[in-house]
Amino acid sequence: MLQVEGIETSYGASQVLFGMSLEVNAGEVVTLMGRNGMGKTTTVRSIMGMVPPHGGDIRFEDISILGRTSYRIAQAGIGLVPEGRQIFPNLTVRENLVATARGSEGGWTLDRVLERFPALVPRIDGMGNELSGGEQQMLAIGRALMTNPKLLILDEATEGLAPQIRAEIWQCLADLKSEGQSILVIDKNLSALMKIADRHFIIEKGVCVWSGNSTELDANPGIHERYLGV
């Protein structure tokens, strides 16, 4: 579904990605892991057209999306839950959910999102900036689902959240996987990721240094220590 092929991305004269590659197949949950500052978010921003790569290629459903605007990439079927949530603080929960919604027969609707995240129901007419961090993350995921994405990308899926809320987010992702949703997730919670993900990619200094499934990752504690600090 998604093929990132040897991309090189820079911020001005500062290069961050040096031939980064990964792939996500239909129906898979794939992780991108690595220490802070190694290029995870830049990889996401490159995929979404926020920081266009100057080398390599990015293909979605076997069509190059390199050079497309973020809006066109989202229209192609990639939904993003960005780092820091970035909900609209001065819109209500309802307005946040419907502002960028895209209908799809049998797909995600406002009622279905609220059923998935019942904590948002009593907050539906409250402003985005009145929500807790966990509620904002639920809203950010719901907003992305309302675009009915073929691929859902979550950058720092549970960062800064309480353990109970993190557990709810992981359960949500497991449920989405069981429904066939393709997901690329960035997070630091190795144990949770290994339970739900089909494959993992580890990035170090802007390039993929290891990839494999959860069984292979579990059998290589040296990889945990060297690249993830676990």
C-alpha atoms as a PDB file:
ATOM      1  CA  MET A   1       0.000   0.000   0.000  1.00  0.00           C
ATOM      2  CA  LEU A   2       2.759   2.448   1.006  1.00  0.00           C
ATOM      3  CA  GLN A   3       6.315   2.274  -0.281  1.00  0.00           C
ATOM      4  CA  VAL A   4       8.935   4.709   0.961  1.00  0.00           C
ATOM      5  CA  GLU A   5      11.983   4.161  -1.221  1.00  0.00           C
ATOM      6  CA  GLY A   6      15.340   5.670  -0.272  1.00  0.00           C
ATOM      7  CA  ILE A   7      14.059   9.154   0.523  1.00  0.00           C
ATOM      8  CA  GLU A   8      16.390  12.001   1.422  1.00  0.00           C
ATOM      9  CA  THR A   9      14.905  14.964   3.260  1.00  0.00           C
ATOM     10  CA  SER A  10      16.467  18.154   4.560  1.00  0.00           C
ATOM     11  CA  TYR A  11      15.499  21.258   6.495  1.00  0.00           C
ATOM     12  CA  GLY A  12      17.449  23.877   4.616  1.00  0.00           C
ATOM     13  CA  ALA A  13      21.118  22.858   4.689  1.00  0.00           C
ATOM     14  CA  SER A  14      20.509  20.292   7.450  1.00  0.00           C
ATOM     15  CA  GLN A  15      19.839  16.823   6.043  1.00  0.00           C
ATOM     16  CA  VAL A  16      17.823  14.470   8.271  1.00  0.00           C
ATOM     17  CA  LEU A  17      16.952  11.461   6.103  1.00  0.00           C
ATOM     18  CA  PHE A  18      19.677   9.647   4.168  1.00  0.00           C
ATOM     19  CA  GLY A  19      17.891   7.022   2.077  1.00  0.00           C
ATOM     20  CA  MET A  20      15.074   6.042   4.430  1.00  0.00           C
ATOM     21  CA  SER A  21      12.901   3.133   3.282  1.00  0.00           C
ATOM     22  CA  LEU A  22       9.885   1.303   4.672  1.00  0.00           C
ATOM     23  CA  GLU A  23       6.652  -0.242   3.473  1.00  0.00           C
ATOM     24  CA  VAL A  24       3.154  -0.943   4.730  1.00  0.00           C
ATOM     25  CA  ASN A  25       0.965  -3.606   3.155  1.00  0.00           C
ATOM     26  CA  ALA A  26      -2.828  -3.550   3.134  1.00  0.00           C
ATOM     27  CA  GLY A  27      -4.285  -4.540   6.501  1.00  0.00           C
ATOM     28  CA  GLU A  28      -0.954  -4.382   8.325  1.00  0.00           C
ATOM     29  CA  VAL A  29       0.051  -2.559  11.472  1.00  0.00           C
ATOM     30  CA  VAL A  30       3.638  -1.406  11.005  1.00  0.00           C
ATOM     31  CA  THR A  31       5.772   0.528  13.473  1.00  0.00           C
ATOM     32  CA  LEU A  32       8.545   3.047  12.990  1.00  0.00           C
ATOM     33  CA  MET A  33      10.787   3.177  16.050  1.00  0.00           C
ATOM     34  CA  GLY A  34      14.030   4.804  17.081  1.00  0.00           C
ATOM     35  CA  ARG A  35      15.549   7.181  19.582  1.00  0.00           C
ATOM     36  CA  ASN A  36      14.607  10.847  19.656  1.00  0.00           C
ATOM     37  CA  GLY A  37      16.018  12.941  16.830  1.00  0.00           C
ATOM     38  CA  MET A  38      16.663  10.060  14.445  1.00  0.00           C
ATOM     39  CA  GLY A  39      14.120  11.086  11.796  1.00  0.00           C
ATOM     40  CA  LYS A  40      10.818   9.415  12.673  1.00  0.00           C
ATOM     41  CA  THR A  41       8.667  12.539  12.484  1.00  0.00           C
ATOM     42  CA  THR A  42      10.581  13.783   9.439  1.00  0.00           C
ATOM     43  CA  THR A  43       9.714  10.492   7.729  1.00  0.00           C
ATOM     44  CA  VAL A  44       6.026  11.107   8.493  1.00  0.00           C
ATOM     45  CA  ARG A  45       6.255  14.722   7.354  1.00  0.00           C
ATOM     46  CA  SER A  46       7.915  13.536   4.133  1.00  0.00           C
ATOM     47  CA  ILE A  47       5.153  11.017   3.469  1.00  0.00           C
ATOM     48  CA  MET A  48       2.512  13.686   4.033  1.00  0.00           C
ATOM     49  CA  GLY A  49       4.213  16.247   1.775  1.00  0.00           C
ATOM     50  CA  MET A  50       4.921  18.683   4.607  1.00  0.00           C
ATOM     51  CA  VAL A  51       8.662  18.527   3.943  1.00  0.00           C
ATOM     52  CA  PRO A  52       9.126  17.243   0.385  1.00  0.00           C
ATOM     53  CA  PRO A  53      12.084  14.864  -0.053  1.00  0.00           C
ATOM     54  CA  HIS A  54      14.765  15.814  -2.557  1.00  0.00           C
ATOM     55  CA  GLY A  55      15.647  12.215  -3.328  1.00  0.00           C
ATOM     56  CA  GLY A  56      13.985   8.803  -3.507  1.00  0.00           C
ATOM     57  CA  ASP A  57      10.293   8.131  -4.038  1.00  0.00           C
ATOM     58  CA  ILE A  58       7.081   7.622  -2.079  1.00  0.00           C
ATOM     59  CA  ARG A  59       4.372   5.490  -3.643  1.00  0.00           C
ATOM     60  CA  PHE A  60       0.838   4.973  -2.367  1.00  0.00           C
ATOM     61  CA  GLU A  61      -1.167   2.215  -3.988  1.00  0.00           C
ATOM     62  CA  ASP A  62       1.629   2.019  -6.576  1.00  0.00           C
ATOM     63  CA  ILE A  63       1.282   5.688  -7.586  1.00  0.00           C
ATOM     64  CA  SER A  64       3.993   8.191  -6.765  1.00  0.00           C
ATOM     65  CA  ILE A  65       2.795  10.910  -4.396  1.00  0.00           C
ATOM     66  CA  LEU A  66       6.147  12.660  -4.296  1.00  0.00           C
ATOM     67  CA  GLY A  67       5.646  16.389  -4.852  1.00  0.00           C
ATOM     68  CA  ARG A  68       1.921  16.368  -4.072  1.00  0.00           C
ATOM     69  CA  THR A  69       0.537  18.828  -1.543  1.00  0.00           C
ATOM     70  CA  SER A  70      -0.514  17.561   1.894  1.00  0.00           C
ATOM     71  CA  TYR A  71      -4.136  18.144   0.935  1.00  0.00           C
ATOM     72  CA  ARG A  72      -3.862  15.933  -2.146  1.00  0.00           C
ATOM     73  CA  ILE A  73      -2.042  13.221  -0.191  1.00  0.00           C
ATOM     74  CA  ALA A  74      -4.827  13.212   2.398  1.00  0.00           C
ATOM     75  CA  GLN A  75      -7.377  13.021  -0.421  1.00  0.00           C
ATOM     76  CA  ALA A  76      -5.534   9.986  -1.797  1.00  0.00           C
ATOM     77  CA  GLY A  77      -6.409   8.151   1.415  1.00  0.00           C
ATOM     78  CA  ILE A  78      -3.761   8.796   4.075  1.00  0.00           C
ATOM     79  CA  GLY A  79      -5.030  10.030   7.446  1.00  0.00           C
ATOM     80  CA  LEU A  80      -2.616  11.561   9.954  1.00  0.00           C
ATOM     81  CA  VAL A  81      -2.764  11.815  13.726  1.00  0.00           C
ATOM     82  CA  PRO A  82       0.109  14.268  14.154  1.00  0.00           C
ATOM     83  CA  GLU A  83       2.583  14.595  16.981  1.00  0.00           C
ATOM     84  CA  GLY A  84       1.117  16.912  19.600  1.00  0.00           C
ATOM     85  CA  ARG A  85      -2.463  16.124  18.397  1.00  0.00           C
ATOM     86  CA  GLN A  86      -2.911  19.578  16.788  1.00  0.00           C
ATOM     87  CA  ILE A  87      -6.666  19.654  17.167  1.00  0.00           C
ATOM     88  CA  PHE A  88      -8.480  22.896  16.423  1.00  0.00           C
ATOM     89  CA  PRO A  89      -8.620  24.529  19.886  1.00  0.00           C
ATOM     90  CA  ASN A  90     -11.314  27.067  19.061  1.00  0.00           C
ATOM     91  CA  LEU A  91     -13.709  24.578  17.478  1.00  0.00           C
ATOM     92  CA  THR A  92     -16.042  22.259  19.354  1.00  0.00           C
ATOM     93  CA  VAL A  93     -15.454  18.525  19.433  1.00  0.00           C
ATOM     94  CA  ARG A  94     -18.249  18.095  16.890  1.00  0.00           C
ATOM     95  CA  GLU A  95     -16.750  20.758  14.611  1.00  0.00           C
ATOM     96  CA  ASN A  96     -13.293  19.176  14.872  1.00  0.00           C
ATOM     97  CA  LEU A  97     -14.704  15.848  13.768  1.00  0.00           C
ATOM     98  CA  VAL A  98     -16.728  17.102  10.810  1.00  0.00           C
ATOM     99  CA  ALA A  99     -14.419  19.891   9.592  1.00  0.00           C
ATOM    100  CA  THR A 100     -12.286  17.624   7.380  1.00  0.00           C
ATOM    101  CA  ALA A 101     -14.631  14.626   7.142  1.00  0.00           C
ATOM    102  CA  ARG A 102     -14.948  12.715   3.918  1.00  0.00           C
ATOM    103  CA  GLY A 103     -17.867  10.354   3.487  1.00  0.00           C
ATOM    104  CA  SER A 104     -17.532   6.741   2.441  1.00  0.00           C
ATOM    105  CA  GLU A 105     -20.271   4.153   2.096  1.00  0.00           C
ATOM    106  CA  GLY A 106     -20.134   1.942   5.161  1.00  0.00           C
ATOM    107  CA  GLY A 107     -17.262   4.014   6.541  1.00  0.00           C
ATOM    108  CA  TRP A 108     -16.672   6.227   9.534  1.00  0.00           C
ATOM    109  CA  THR A 109     -19.407   8.628  10.596  1.00  0.00           C
ATOM    110  CA  LEU A 110     -19.805  10.966  13.552  1.00  0.00           C
ATOM    111  CA  ASP A 111     -21.971   8.435  15.384  1.00  0.00           C
ATOM    112  CA  ARG A 112     -19.503   5.632  14.773  1.00  0.00           C
ATOM    113  CA  VAL A 113     -16.551   7.692  16.034  1.00  0.00           C
ATOM    114  CA  LEU A 114     -18.484   8.639  19.175  1.00  0.00           C
ATOM    115  CA  GLU A 115     -19.328   4.981  19.694  1.00  0.00           C
ATOM    116  CA  ARG A 116     -15.599   4.199  19.467  1.00  0.00           C
ATOM    117  CA  PHE A 117     -14.709   7.019  21.866  1.00  0.00           C
ATOM    118  CA  PRO A 118     -17.648   7.375  24.287  1.00  0.00           C
ATOM    119  CA  ALA A 119     -15.625   9.746  26.499  1.00  0.00           C
ATOM    120  CA  LEU A 120     -16.135  12.381  23.786  1.00  0.00           C
ATOM    121  CA  VAL A 121     -19.947  12.178  23.909  1.00  0.00           C
ATOM    122  CA  PRO A 122     -20.466  14.472  26.926  1.00  0.00           C
ATOM    123  CA  ARG A 123     -17.824  16.823  25.487  1.00  0.00           C
ATOM    124  CA  ILE A 124     -19.333  17.012  22.013  1.00  0.00           C
ATOM    125  CA  ASP A 125     -20.240  20.710  22.244  1.00  0.00           C
ATOM    126  CA  GLY A 126     -17.201  21.702  24.317  1.00  0.00           C
ATOM    127  CA  MET A 127     -14.204  23.464  22.810  1.00  0.00           C
ATOM    128  CA  GLY A 128     -11.133  21.534  21.805  1.00  0.00           C
ATOM    129  CA  ASN A 129      -8.894  23.430  24.206  1.00  0.00           C
ATOM    130  CA  GLU A 130     -11.077  22.329  27.139  1.00  0.00           C
ATOM    131  CA  LEU A 131     -10.235  18.646  26.676  1.00  0.00           C
ATOM    132  CA  SER A 132      -7.685  16.640  28.620  1.00  0.00           C
ATOM    133  CA  GLY A 133      -4.633  15.267  26.813  1.00  0.00           C
ATOM    134  CA  GLY A 134      -6.239  11.845  26.494  1.00  0.00           C
ATOM    135  CA  GLU A 135      -9.477  13.282  25.172  1.00  0.00           C
ATOM    136  CA  GLN A 136      -7.538  15.382  22.666  1.00  0.00           C
ATOM    137  CA  GLN A 137      -5.758  12.260  21.412  1.00  0.00           C
ATOM    138  CA  MET A 138      -9.075  10.437  21.027  1.00  0.00           C
ATOM    139  CA  LEU A 139     -10.380  13.465  19.132  1.00  0.00           C
ATOM    140  CA  ALA A 140      -7.301  13.543  16.892  1.00  0.00           C
ATOM    141  CA  ILE A 141      -7.733   9.852  16.051  1.00  0.00           C
ATOM    142  CA  GLY A 142     -11.452  10.316  15.489  1.00  0.00           C
ATOM    143  CA  ARG A 143     -10.821  13.307  13.229  1.00  0.00           C
ATOM    144  CA  ALA A 144      -8.415  11.233  11.118  1.00  0.00           C
ATOM    145  CA  LEU A 145     -10.879   8.335  10.937  1.00  0.00           C
ATOM    146  CA  MET A 146     -13.601  10.734   9.740  1.00  0.00           C
ATOM    147  CA  THR A 147     -11.576  11.142   6.523  1.00  0.00           C
ATOM    148  CA  ASN A 148     -12.076   7.375   6.019  1.00  0.00           C
ATOM    149  CA  PRO A 149      -8.379   6.758   5.348  1.00  0.00           C
ATOM    150  CA  LYS A 150      -7.012   3.700   3.627  1.00  0.00           C
ATOM    151  CA  LEU A 151      -3.842   4.180   5.687  1.00  0.00           C
ATOM    152  CA  LEU A 152      -3.806   5.714   9.174  1.00  0.00           C
ATOM    153  CA  ILE A 153      -0.539   7.215  10.444  1.00  0.00           C
ATOM    154  CA  LEU A 154      -0.075   8.017  14.136  1.00  0.00           C
ATOM    155  CA  ASP A 155       2.967  10.025  15.216  1.00  0.00           C
ATOM    156  CA  GLU A 156       3.710   9.501  18.935  1.00  0.00           C
ATOM    157  CA  ALA A 157       0.446   7.695  19.515  1.00  0.00           C
ATOM    158  CA  THR A 158       0.480   7.681  23.335  1.00  0.00           C
ATOM    159  CA  GLU A 159       3.132  10.235  24.302  1.00  0.00           C
ATOM    160  CA  GLY A 160       2.390  11.983  27.600  1.00  0.00           C
ATOM    161  CA  LEU A 161      -0.812  10.061  28.289  1.00  0.00           C
ATOM    162  CA  ALA A 162      -1.833   8.350  31.525  1.00  0.00           C
ATOM    163  CA  PRO A 163      -1.483   4.531  31.594  1.00  0.00           C
ATOM    164  CA  GLN A 164      -5.250   3.949  31.442  1.00  0.00           C
ATOM    165  CA  ILE A 165      -5.614   6.214  28.398  1.00  0.00           C
ATOM    166  CA  ARG A 166      -2.623   4.565  26.721  1.00  0.00           C
ATOM    167  CA  ALA A 167      -4.307   1.195  27.200  1.00  0.00           C
ATOM    168  CA  GLU A 168      -7.479   2.545  25.577  1.00  0.00           C
ATOM    169  CA  ILE A 169      -5.499   3.822  22.583  1.00  0.00           C
ATOM    170  CA  TRP A 170      -3.728   0.472  22.140  1.00  0.00           C
ATOM    171  CA  GLN A 171      -7.060  -1.351  22.332  1.00  0.00           C
ATOM    172  CA  CYS A 172      -8.474   1.041  19.742  1.00  0.00           C
ATOM    173  CA  LEU A 173      -5.590   0.283  17.376  1.00  0.00           C
ATOM    174  CA  ALA A 174      -6.006  -3.456  17.937  1.00  0.00           C
ATOM    175  CA  ASP A 175      -9.717  -3.129  17.109  1.00  0.00           C
ATOM    176  CA  LEU A 176      -8.942  -1.117  13.977  1.00  0.00           C
ATOM    177  CA  LYS A 177      -6.464  -3.778  12.895  1.00  0.00           C
ATOM    178  CA  SER A 178      -9.106  -6.488  13.338  1.00  0.00           C
ATOM    179  CA  GLU A 179     -11.335  -4.457  11.004  1.00  0.00           C
ATOM    180  CA  GLY A 180      -8.621  -4.436   8.324  1.00  0.00           C
ATOM    181  CA  GLN A 181      -7.350  -0.876   8.818  1.00  0.00           C
ATOM    182  CA  SER A 182      -3.782  -0.331   7.603  1.00  0.00           C
ATOM    183  CA  ILE A 183      -1.752   1.551  10.220  1.00  0.00           C
ATOM    184  CA  LEU A 184       1.721   3.046  10.525  1.00  0.00           C
ATOM    185  CA  VAL A 185       2.418   3.959  14.143  1.00  0.00           C
ATOM    186  CA  ILE A 186       5.282   5.752  15.875  1.00  0.00           C
ATOM    187  CA  ASP A 187       5.618   5.272  19.608  1.00  0.00           C
ATOM    188  CA  LYS A 188       8.115   4.335  22.309  1.00  0.00           C
ATOM    189  CA  ASN A 189       6.026   1.676  24.066  1.00  0.00           C
ATOM    190  CA  LEU A 190       7.859  -1.377  22.772  1.00  0.00           C
ATOM    191  CA  SER A 191       5.845  -4.007  24.649  1.00  0.00           C
ATOM    192  CA  ALA A 192       2.507  -2.661  23.407  1.00  0.00           C
ATOM    193  CA  LEU A 193       3.754  -2.270  19.849  1.00  0.00           C
ATOM    194  CA  MET A 194       5.052  -5.829  19.713  1.00  0.00           C
ATOM    195  CA  LYS A 195       1.608  -7.151  20.653  1.00  0.00           C
ATOM    196  CA  ILE A 196      -0.314  -5.446  17.853  1.00  0.00           C
ATOM    197  CA  ALA A 197       2.187  -4.859  15.011  1.00  0.00           C
ATOM    198  CA  ASP A 198       2.923  -7.180  12.115  1.00  0.00           C
ATOM    199  CA  ARG A 199       6.304  -5.650  11.302  1.00  0.00           C
ATOM    200  CA  HIS A 200       8.724  -3.082  12.661  1.00  0.00           C
ATOM    201  CA  PHE A 201      11.202  -0.657  11.131  1.00  0.00           C
ATOM    202  CA  ILE A 202      13.939   0.927  13.241  1.00  0.00           C
ATOM    203  CA  ILE A 203      15.510   4.201  12.154  1.00  0.00           C
ATOM    204  CA  GLU A 204      18.960   5.460  13.158  1.00  0.00           C
ATOM    205  CA  LYS A 205      20.401   8.734  11.883  1.00  0.00           C
ATOM    206  CA  GLY A 206      17.947   8.992   9.022  1.00  0.00           C
ATOM    207  CA  VAL A 207      18.136   5.479   7.617  1.00  0.00           C
ATOM    208  CA  CYS A 208      16.424   2.155   8.359  1.00  0.00           C
ATOM    209  CA  VAL A 209      18.897  -0.061  10.226  1.00  0.00           C
ATOM    210  CA  TRP A 210      16.639  -3.022  11.054  1.00  0.00           C
ATOM    211  CA  SER A 211      13.283  -4.461  10.042  1.00  0.00           C
ATOM    212  CA  GLY A 212      11.428  -7.597  11.010  1.00  0.00           C
ATOM    213  CA  ASN A 213       8.417  -9.021  12.813  1.00  0.00           C
ATOM    214  CA  SER A 214       7.682  -9.038  16.538  1.00  0.00           C
ATOM    215  CA  THR A 215       9.082 -12.536  17.069  1.00  0.00           C
ATOM    216  CA  GLU A 216      12.368 -11.517  15.488  1.00  0.00           C
ATOM    217  CA  LEU A 217      12.495  -8.287  17.479  1.00  0.00           C
ATOM    218  CA  ASP A 218      11.751 -10.080  20.745  1.00  0.00           C
ATOM    219  CA  ALA A 219      14.584 -12.518  20.049  1.00  0.00           C
ATOM    220  CA  ASN A 220      17.112  -9.683  19.601  1.00  0.00           C
ATOM    221  CA  PRO A 221      17.436  -7.792  22.913  1.00  0.00           C
ATOM    222  CA  GLY A 222      20.662  -6.245  21.604  1.00  0.00           C
ATOM    223  CA  ILE A 223      18.604  -4.323  19.068  1.00  0.00           C
ATOM    224  CA  HIS A 224      16.414  -2.963  21.887  1.00  0.00           C
ATOM    225  CA  GLU A 225      19.459  -1.670  23.737  1.00  0.00           C
ATOM    226  CA  ARG A 226      21.410  -0.369  20.765  1.00  0.00           C
ATOM    227  CA  TYR A 227      18.704   1.436  18.828  1.00  0.00           C
ATOM    228  CA  LEU A 228      15.801   1.947  21.236  1.00  0.00           C
ATOM    229  CA  GLY A 229      17.475   2.465  24.599  1.00  0.00           C
ATOM    230  CA  VAL A 230      15.293  -0.237  26.190  1.00  0.00           C
END
